[in-house]
Amino acid sequence: AGEWRDYGISMLKDVAVFSIFRRSAEHPIYR
């Protein structure tokens, strides 16, 4: 749909996070 462009996955001791970015150089719009 052209809304999202990039993502990142972090796997830590207490939490796993899937971060969603509108552009790759931004802060995540959703986690």
PDB file of all heavy atoms in Angstrom:
ATOM      1  N   ALA A   1       0.826  -1.210   0.000  1.00  0.00           N
ATOM      2  CA  ALA A   1       0.000   0.000   0.000  1.00  0.00           C
ATOM      3  C   ALA A   1       0.865   1.266   0.000  1.00  0.00           C
ATOM      4  O   ALA A   1       0.340   2.368  -0.093  1.00  0.00           O
ATOM      5  CB  ALA A   1      -0.930  -0.001   1.216  1.00  0.00           C
ATOM      6  N   GLY A   2       2.189   1.113   0.127  1.00  0.00           N
ATOM      7  CA  GLY A   2       3.097   2.247   0.102  1.00  0.00           C
ATOM      8  C   GLY A   2       3.245   2.976   1.428  1.00  0.00           C
ATOM      9  O   GLY A   2       3.797   4.062   1.480  1.00  0.00           O
ATOM     10  N   GLU A   3       2.772   2.370   2.524  1.00  0.00           N
ATOM     11  CA  GLU A   3       2.798   3.025   3.832  1.00  0.00           C
ATOM     12  C   GLU A   3       4.101   2.764   4.598  1.00  0.00           C
ATOM     13  O   GLU A   3       4.562   3.628   5.315  1.00  0.00           O
ATOM     14  CB  GLU A   3       1.612   2.558   4.676  1.00  0.00           C
ATOM     15  CG  GLU A   3       0.279   3.020   4.140  1.00  0.00           C
ATOM     16  CD  GLU A   3       0.129   4.532   4.188  1.00  0.00           C
ATOM     17  OE1 GLU A   3       0.381   5.127   5.257  1.00  0.00           O
ATOM     18  OE2 GLU A   3      -0.219   5.111   3.151  1.00  0.00           O
ATOM     19  N   TRP A   4       4.618   1.570   4.503  1.00  0.00           N
ATOM     20  CA  TRP A   4       5.813   1.192   5.263  1.00  0.00           C
ATOM     21  C   TRP A   4       6.920   0.811   4.296  1.00  0.00           C
ATOM     22  O   TRP A   4       6.675   0.329   3.196  1.00  0.00           O
ATOM     23  CB  TRP A   4       5.529   0.014   6.183  1.00  0.00           C
ATOM     24  CG  TRP A   4       4.482   0.280   7.227  1.00  0.00           C
ATOM     25  CD1 TRP A   4       3.987   1.488   7.630  1.00  0.00           C
ATOM     26  CD2 TRP A   4       3.795  -0.697   7.997  1.00  0.00           C
ATOM     27  NE1 TRP A   4       3.040   1.318   8.600  1.00  0.00           N
ATOM     28  CE2 TRP A   4       2.905  -0.015   8.849  1.00  0.00           C
ATOM     29  CE3 TRP A   4       3.836  -2.079   8.065  1.00  0.00           C
ATOM     30  CZ2 TRP A   4       2.079  -0.679   9.749  1.00  0.00           C
ATOM     31  CZ3 TRP A   4       3.012  -2.738   8.956  1.00  0.00           C
ATOM     32  CH2 TRP A   4       2.147  -2.035   9.789  1.00  0.00           C
ATOM     33  N   ARG A   5       8.177   0.992   4.754  1.00  0.00           N
ATOM     34  CA  ARG A   5       9.297   0.677   3.873  1.00  0.00           C
ATOM     35  C   ARG A   5      10.354  -0.213   4.487  1.00  0.00           C
ATOM     36  O   ARG A   5      11.122  -0.830   3.774  1.00  0.00           O
ATOM     37  CB  ARG A   5       9.963   1.964   3.424  1.00  0.00           C
ATOM     38  CG  ARG A   5       9.119   2.734   2.482  1.00  0.00           C
ATOM     39  CD  ARG A   5       9.991   3.531   1.629  1.00  0.00           C
ATOM     40  NE  ARG A   5       9.217   4.016   0.501  1.00  0.00           N
ATOM     41  CZ  ARG A   5       9.680   4.818  -0.379  1.00  0.00           C
ATOM     42  NH1 ARG A   5      10.910   5.234  -0.281  1.00  0.00           N
ATOM     43  NH2 ARG A   5       8.939   5.204  -1.369  1.00  0.00           N
ATOM     44  N   ASP A   6      10.472  -0.244   5.799  1.00  0.00           N
ATOM     45  CA  ASP A   6      11.574  -0.980   6.417  1.00  0.00           C
ATOM     46  C   ASP A   6      11.139  -1.519   7.766  1.00  0.00           C
ATOM     47  O   ASP A   6      10.153  -1.056   8.341  1.00  0.00           O
ATOM     48  CB  ASP A   6      12.773  -0.043   6.589  1.00  0.00           C
ATOM     49  CG  ASP A   6      14.098  -0.785   6.701  1.00  0.00           C
ATOM     50  OD1 ASP A   6      14.114  -2.023   6.561  1.00  0.00           O
ATOM     51  OD2 ASP A   6      15.121  -0.115   6.931  1.00  0.00           O
ATOM     52  N   TYR A   7      11.888  -2.499   8.256  1.00  0.00           N
ATOM     53  CA  TYR A   7      11.620  -3.038   9.585  1.00  0.00           C
ATOM     54  C   TYR A   7      12.922  -3.472  10.231  1.00  0.00           C
ATOM     55  O   TYR A   7      13.947  -3.613   9.570  1.00  0.00           O
ATOM     56  CB  TYR A   7      10.626  -4.207   9.532  1.00  0.00           C
ATOM     57  CG  TYR A   7      11.177  -5.481   8.931  1.00  0.00           C
ATOM     58  CD1 TYR A   7      11.785  -6.451   9.722  1.00  0.00           C
ATOM     59  CD2 TYR A   7      11.080  -5.720   7.561  1.00  0.00           C
ATOM     60  CE1 TYR A   7      12.289  -7.618   9.170  1.00  0.00           C
ATOM     61  CE2 TYR A   7      11.571  -6.880   7.000  1.00  0.00           C
ATOM     62  CZ  TYR A   7      12.173  -7.829   7.813  1.00  0.00           C
ATOM     63  OH  TYR A   7      12.666  -8.987   7.267  1.00  0.00           O
ATOM     64  N   GLY A   8      12.863  -3.668  11.531  1.00  0.00           N
ATOM     65  CA  GLY A   8      14.005  -4.168  12.284  1.00  0.00           C
ATOM     66  C   GLY A   8      13.506  -5.107  13.362  1.00  0.00           C
ATOM     67  O   GLY A   8      12.406  -4.937  13.892  1.00  0.00           O
ATOM     68  N   ILE A   9      14.297  -6.099  13.689  1.00  0.00           N
ATOM     69  CA  ILE A   9      13.931  -7.050  14.740  1.00  0.00           C
ATOM     70  C   ILE A   9      15.031  -7.046  15.789  1.00  0.00           C
ATOM     71  O   ILE A   9      16.205  -7.184  15.467  1.00  0.00           O
ATOM     72  CB  ILE A   9      13.760  -8.482  14.183  1.00  0.00           C
ATOM     73  CG1 ILE A   9      12.648  -8.510  13.124  1.00  0.00           C
ATOM     74  CG2 ILE A   9      13.451  -9.459  15.309  1.00  0.00           C
ATOM     75  CD1 ILE A   9      12.492  -9.852  12.437  1.00  0.00           C
ATOM     76  N   SER A  10      14.625  -6.889  17.040  1.00  0.00           N
ATOM     77  CA  SER A  10      15.551  -6.946  18.172  1.00  0.00           C
ATOM     78  C   SER A  10      15.112  -8.076  19.087  1.00  0.00           C
ATOM     79  O   SER A  10      13.929  -8.186  19.412  1.00  0.00           O
ATOM     80  CB  SER A  10      15.538  -5.637  18.960  1.00  0.00           C
ATOM     81  OG  SER A  10      15.897  -4.559  18.146  1.00  0.00           O
ATOM     82  N   MET A  11      16.058  -8.906  19.486  1.00  0.00           N
ATOM     83  CA  MET A  11      15.774 -10.003  20.413  1.00  0.00           C
ATOM     84  C   MET A  11      16.657  -9.816  21.632  1.00  0.00           C
ATOM     85  O   MET A  11      17.864 -10.004  21.554  1.00  0.00           O
ATOM     86  CB  MET A  11      16.026 -11.346  19.739  1.00  0.00           C
ATOM     87  CG  MET A  11      15.068 -11.619  18.595  1.00  0.00           C
ATOM     88  SD  MET A  11      15.363 -13.151  17.739  1.00  0.00           S
ATOM     89  CE  MET A  11      16.825 -12.750  16.805  1.00  0.00           C
ATOM     90  N   LEU A  12      16.048  -9.408  22.731  1.00  0.00           N
ATOM     91  CA  LEU A  12      16.774  -9.121  23.952  1.00  0.00           C
ATOM     92  C   LEU A  12      16.424 -10.137  25.034  1.00  0.00           C
ATOM     93  O   LEU A  12      15.670 -11.074  24.788  1.00  0.00           O
ATOM     94  CB  LEU A  12      16.458  -7.692  24.406  1.00  0.00           C
ATOM     95  CG  LEU A  12      16.674  -6.613  23.330  1.00  0.00           C
ATOM     96  CD1 LEU A  12      16.107  -5.295  23.790  1.00  0.00           C
ATOM     97  CD2 LEU A  12      18.135  -6.497  22.982  1.00  0.00           C
ATOM     98  N   LYS A  13      16.942  -9.923  26.218  1.00  0.00           N
ATOM     99  CA  LYS A  13      16.716 -10.867  27.310  1.00  0.00           C
ATOM    100  C   LYS A  13      15.249 -10.932  27.735  1.00  0.00           C
ATOM    101  O   LYS A  13      14.726 -12.007  27.995  1.00  0.00           O
ATOM    102  CB  LYS A  13      17.588 -10.481  28.508  1.00  0.00           C
ATOM    103  CG  LYS A  13      17.510 -11.445  29.654  1.00  0.00           C
ATOM    104  CD  LYS A  13      18.425 -11.031  30.767  1.00  0.00           C
ATOM    105  CE  LYS A  13      18.297 -12.017  31.923  1.00  0.00           C
ATOM    106  NZ  LYS A  13      19.143 -11.631  33.046  1.00  0.00           N
ATOM    107  N   ASP A  14      14.581  -9.789  27.807  1.00  0.00           N
ATOM    108  CA  ASP A  14      13.212  -9.735  28.307  1.00  0.00           C
ATOM    109  C   ASP A  14      12.150  -9.477  27.244  1.00  0.00           C
ATOM    110  O   ASP A  14      10.968  -9.638  27.500  1.00  0.00           O
ATOM    111  CB  ASP A  14      13.085  -8.637  29.374  1.00  0.00           C
ATOM    112  CG  ASP A  14      13.940  -8.914  30.588  1.00  0.00           C
ATOM    113  OD1 ASP A  14      14.154 -10.099  30.908  1.00  0.00           O
ATOM    114  OD2 ASP A  14      14.404  -7.949  31.219  1.00  0.00           O
ATOM    115  N   VAL A  15      12.566  -9.036  26.078  1.00  0.00           N
ATOM    116  CA  VAL A  15      11.596  -8.611  25.071  1.00  0.00           C
ATOM    117  C   VAL A  15      12.124  -8.854  23.657  1.00  0.00           C
ATOM    118  O   VAL A  15      13.321  -8.744  23.407  1.00  0.00           O
ATOM    119  CB  VAL A  15      11.234  -7.111  25.266  1.00  0.00           C
ATOM    120  CG1 VAL A  15      12.441  -6.228  25.088  1.00  0.00           C
ATOM    121  CG2 VAL A  15      10.110  -6.672  24.373  1.00  0.00           C
ATOM    122  N   ALA A  16      11.190  -9.184  22.762  1.00  0.00           N
ATOM    123  CA  ALA A  16      11.477  -9.226  21.329  1.00  0.00           C
ATOM    124  C   ALA A  16      10.675  -8.093  20.705  1.00  0.00           C
ATOM    125  O   ALA A  16       9.500  -7.893  21.038  1.00  0.00           O
ATOM    126  CB  ALA A  16      11.073 -10.559  20.724  1.00  0.00           C
ATOM    127  N   VAL A  17      11.307  -7.326  19.820  1.00  0.00           N
ATOM    128  CA  VAL A  17      10.662  -6.147  19.235  1.00  0.00           C
ATOM    129  C   VAL A  17      10.758  -6.204  17.719  1.00  0.00           C
ATOM    130  O   VAL A  17      11.838  -6.420  17.167  1.00  0.00           O
ATOM    131  CB  VAL A  17      11.319  -4.838  19.742  1.00  0.00           C
ATOM    132  CG1 VAL A  17      10.610  -3.624  19.161  1.00  0.00           C
ATOM    133  CG2 VAL A  17      11.335  -4.773  21.254  1.00  0.00           C
ATOM    134  N   PHE A  18       9.623  -6.005  17.062  1.00  0.00           N
ATOM    135  CA  PHE A  18       9.564  -5.852  15.616  1.00  0.00           C
ATOM    136  C   PHE A  18       9.240  -4.388  15.375  1.00  0.00           C
ATOM    137  O   PHE A  18       8.133  -3.932  15.674  1.00  0.00           O
ATOM    138  CB  PHE A  18       8.477  -6.756  15.018  1.00  0.00           C
ATOM    139  CG  PHE A  18       8.462  -6.783  13.519  1.00  0.00           C
ATOM    140  CD1 PHE A  18       9.109  -7.795  12.828  1.00  0.00           C
ATOM    141  CD2 PHE A  18       7.791  -5.808  12.791  1.00  0.00           C
ATOM    142  CE1 PHE A  18       9.089  -7.836  11.440  1.00  0.00           C
ATOM    143  CE2 PHE A  18       7.770  -5.832  11.411  1.00  0.00           C
ATOM    144  CZ  PHE A  18       8.418  -6.854  10.739  1.00  0.00           C
ATOM    145  N   SER A  19      10.210  -3.612  14.887  1.00  0.00           N
ATOM    146  CA  SER A  19      10.033  -2.175  14.666  1.00  0.00           C
ATOM    147  C   SER A  19       9.697  -1.920  13.206  1.00  0.00           C
ATOM    148  O   SER A  19      10.308  -2.495  12.312  1.00  0.00           O
ATOM    149  CB  SER A  19      11.312  -1.418  15.027  1.00  0.00           C
ATOM    150  OG  SER A  19      11.654  -1.628  16.372  1.00  0.00           O
ATOM    151  N   ILE A  20       8.724  -1.032  12.983  1.00  0.00           N
ATOM    152  CA  ILE A  20       8.252  -0.721  11.639  1.00  0.00           C
ATOM    153  C   ILE A  20       8.585   0.740  11.336  1.00  0.00           C
ATOM    154  O   ILE A  20       8.301   1.622  12.137  1.00  0.00           O
ATOM    155  CB  ILE A  20       6.735  -0.952  11.534  1.00  0.00           C
ATOM    156  CG1 ILE A  20       6.429  -2.424  11.838  1.00  0.00           C
ATOM    157  CG2 ILE A  20       6.220  -0.548  10.164  1.00  0.00           C
ATOM    158  CD1 ILE A  20       4.978  -2.709  12.104  1.00  0.00           C
ATOM    159  N   PHE A  21       9.170   0.959  10.153  1.00  0.00           N
ATOM    160  CA  PHE A  21       9.612   2.286   9.757  1.00  0.00           C
ATOM    161  C   PHE A  21       8.909   2.738   8.477  1.00  0.00           C
ATOM    162  O   PHE A  21       8.695   1.929   7.581  1.00  0.00           O
ATOM    163  CB  PHE A  21      11.123   2.294   9.494  1.00  0.00           C
ATOM    164  CG  PHE A  21      11.946   1.897  10.685  1.00  0.00           C
ATOM    165  CD1 PHE A  21      12.248   0.569  10.929  1.00  0.00           C
ATOM    166  CD2 PHE A  21      12.417   2.856  11.565  1.00  0.00           C
ATOM    167  CE1 PHE A  21      13.004   0.201  12.027  1.00  0.00           C
ATOM    168  CE2 PHE A  21      13.176   2.500  12.666  1.00  0.00           C
ATOM    169  CZ  PHE A  21      13.471   1.170  12.901  1.00  0.00           C
ATOM    170  N   ARG A  22       8.596   4.018   8.417  1.00  0.00           N
ATOM    171  CA  ARG A  22       8.061   4.583   7.180  1.00  0.00           C
ATOM    172  C   ARG A  22       9.198   4.766   6.185  1.00  0.00           C
ATOM    173  O   ARG A  22       9.066   4.511   5.002  1.00  0.00           O
ATOM    174  CB  ARG A  22       7.377   5.925   7.456  1.00  0.00           C
ATOM    175  CG  ARG A  22       6.667   6.451   6.233  1.00  0.00           C
ATOM    176  CD  ARG A  22       5.693   7.563   6.541  1.00  0.00           C
ATOM    177  NE  ARG A  22       4.543   7.001   7.219  1.00  0.00           N
ATOM    178  CZ  ARG A  22       3.943   7.551   8.269  1.00  0.00           C
ATOM    179  NH1 ARG A  22       4.385   8.690   8.753  1.00  0.00           N
ATOM    180  NH2 ARG A  22       2.906   6.987   8.825  1.00  0.00           N
ATOM    181  N   ARG A  23      10.351   5.225   6.678  1.00  0.00           N
ATOM    182  CA  ARG A  23      11.593   5.316   5.900  1.00  0.00           C
ATOM    183  C   ARG A  23      12.693   4.741   6.760  1.00  0.00           C
ATOM    184  O   ARG A  23      12.621   4.772   7.981  1.00  0.00           O
ATOM    185  CB  ARG A  23      11.903   6.775   5.559  1.00  0.00           C
ATOM    186  CG  ARG A  23      10.951   7.350   4.544  1.00  0.00           C
ATOM    187  CD  ARG A  23      11.243   8.816   4.267  1.00  0.00           C
ATOM    188  NE  ARG A  23      10.086   9.480   3.748  1.00  0.00           N
ATOM    189  CZ  ARG A  23       9.090   9.981   4.486  1.00  0.00           C
ATOM    190  NH1 ARG A  23       9.145   9.903   5.787  1.00  0.00           N
ATOM    191  NH2 ARG A  23       8.059  10.562   3.912  1.00  0.00           N
ATOM    192  N   SER A  24      13.747   4.264   6.158  1.00  0.00           N
ATOM    193  CA  SER A  24      14.775   3.542   6.922  1.00  0.00           C
ATOM    194  C   SER A  24      15.580   4.424   7.867  1.00  0.00           C
ATOM    195  O   SER A  24      16.178   3.929   8.806  1.00  0.00           O
ATOM    196  CB  SER A  24      15.716   2.802   5.974  1.00  0.00           C
ATOM    197  OG  SER A  24      16.305   3.703   5.075  1.00  0.00           O
ATOM    198  N   ALA A  25      15.611   5.723   7.677  1.00  0.00           N
ATOM    199  CA  ALA A  25      16.430   6.589   8.525  1.00  0.00           C
ATOM    200  C   ALA A  25      15.636   7.233   9.664  1.00  0.00           C
ATOM    201  O   ALA A  25      16.132   8.115  10.330  1.00  0.00           O
ATOM    202  CB  ALA A  25      17.066   7.680   7.671  1.00  0.00           C
ATOM    203  N   GLU A  26      14.415   6.811   9.885  1.00  0.00           N
ATOM    204  CA  GLU A  26      13.558   7.412  10.899  1.00  0.00           C
ATOM    205  C   GLU A  26      13.510   6.581  12.177  1.00  0.00           C
ATOM    206  O   GLU A  26      14.051   5.489  12.256  1.00  0.00           O
ATOM    207  CB  GLU A  26      12.124   7.501  10.375  1.00  0.00           C
ATOM    208  CG  GLU A  26      11.913   8.481   9.276  1.00  0.00           C
ATOM    209  CD  GLU A  26      10.437   8.567   8.903  1.00  0.00           C
ATOM    210  OE1 GLU A  26       9.671   7.653   9.262  1.00  0.00           O
ATOM    211  OE2 GLU A  26      10.066   9.537   8.255  1.00  0.00           O
ATOM    212  N   HIS A  27      12.770   7.129  13.140  1.00  0.00           N
ATOM    213  CA  HIS A  27      12.397   6.349  14.317  1.00  0.00           C
ATOM    214  C   HIS A  27      11.229   5.455  13.910  1.00  0.00           C
ATOM    215  O   HIS A  27      10.479   5.793  12.991  1.00  0.00           O
ATOM    216  CB  HIS A  27      11.959   7.276  15.453  1.00  0.00           C
ATOM    217  CG  HIS A  27      13.075   8.138  15.954  1.00  0.00           C
ATOM    218  ND1 HIS A  27      14.130   7.638  16.684  1.00  0.00           N
ATOM    219  CD2 HIS A  27      13.314   9.463  15.809  1.00  0.00           C
ATOM    220  CE1 HIS A  27      14.952   8.617  16.975  1.00  0.00           C
ATOM    221  NE2 HIS A  27      14.488   9.746  16.450  1.00  0.00           N
ATOM    222  N   PRO A  28      11.035   4.335  14.587  1.00  0.00           N
ATOM    223  CA  PRO A  28       9.924   3.455  14.192  1.00  0.00           C
ATOM    224  C   PRO A  28       8.563   4.118  14.418  1.00  0.00           C
ATOM    225  O   PRO A  28       8.365   4.822  15.413  1.00  0.00           O
ATOM    226  CB  PRO A  28      10.089   2.231  15.094  1.00  0.00           C
ATOM    227  CG  PRO A  28      10.972   2.664  16.206  1.00  0.00           C
ATOM    228  CD  PRO A  28      11.797   3.790  15.708  1.00  0.00           C
ATOM    229  N   ILE A  29       7.641   3.886  13.486  1.00  0.00           N
ATOM    230  CA  ILE A  29       6.294   4.420  13.663  1.00  0.00           C
ATOM    231  C   ILE A  29       5.457   3.483  14.531  1.00  0.00           C
ATOM    232  O   ILE A  29       4.544   3.930  15.201  1.00  0.00           O
ATOM    233  CB  ILE A  29       5.600   4.705  12.318  1.00  0.00           C
ATOM    234  CG1 ILE A  29       5.596   3.482  11.412  1.00  0.00           C
ATOM    235  CG2 ILE A  29       6.246   5.874  11.635  1.00  0.00           C
ATOM    236  CD1 ILE A  29       4.800   3.658  10.126  1.00  0.00           C
ATOM    237  N   TYR A  30       5.782   2.184  14.510  1.00  0.00           N
ATOM    238  CA  TYR A  30       5.124   1.207  15.375  1.00  0.00           C
ATOM    239  C   TYR A  30       6.159   0.211  15.864  1.00  0.00           C
ATOM    240  O   TYR A  30       7.142  -0.081  15.168  1.00  0.00           O
ATOM    241  CB  TYR A  30       4.033   0.426  14.623  1.00  0.00           C
ATOM    242  CG  TYR A  30       2.912   1.287  14.133  1.00  0.00           C
ATOM    243  CD1 TYR A  30       2.785   1.575  12.780  1.00  0.00           C
ATOM    244  CD2 TYR A  30       1.992   1.815  15.011  1.00  0.00           C
ATOM    245  CE1 TYR A  30       1.765   2.379  12.319  1.00  0.00           C
ATOM    246  CE2 TYR A  30       0.965   2.625  14.560  1.00  0.00           C
ATOM    247  CZ  TYR A  30       0.854   2.890  13.215  1.00  0.00           C
ATOM    248  OH  TYR A  30      -0.148   3.693  12.767  1.00  0.00           O
ATOM    249  N   ARG A  31       5.913  -0.308  17.053  1.00  0.00           N
ATOM    250  CA  ARG A  31       6.719  -1.411  17.588  1.00  0.00           C
ATOM    251  C   ARG A  31       5.761  -2.508  18.031  1.00  0.00           C
ATOM    252  O   ARG A  31       4.789  -2.236  18.740  1.00  0.00           O
ATOM    253  CB  ARG A  31       7.546  -0.952  18.790  1.00  0.00           C
ATOM    254  CG  ARG A  31       8.652  -0.025  18.446  1.00  0.00           C
ATOM    255  CD  ARG A  31       9.597   0.293  19.611  1.00  0.00           C
ATOM    256  NE  ARG A  31       9.065   0.165  20.942  1.00  0.00           N
ATOM    257  CZ  ARG A  31       8.614   1.164  21.688  1.00  0.00           C
ATOM    258  NH1 ARG A  31       8.604   2.391  21.218  1.00  0.00           N
ATOM    259  NH2 ARG A  31       8.168   0.959  22.912  1.00  0.00           N
TER     260      ARG A  31
END
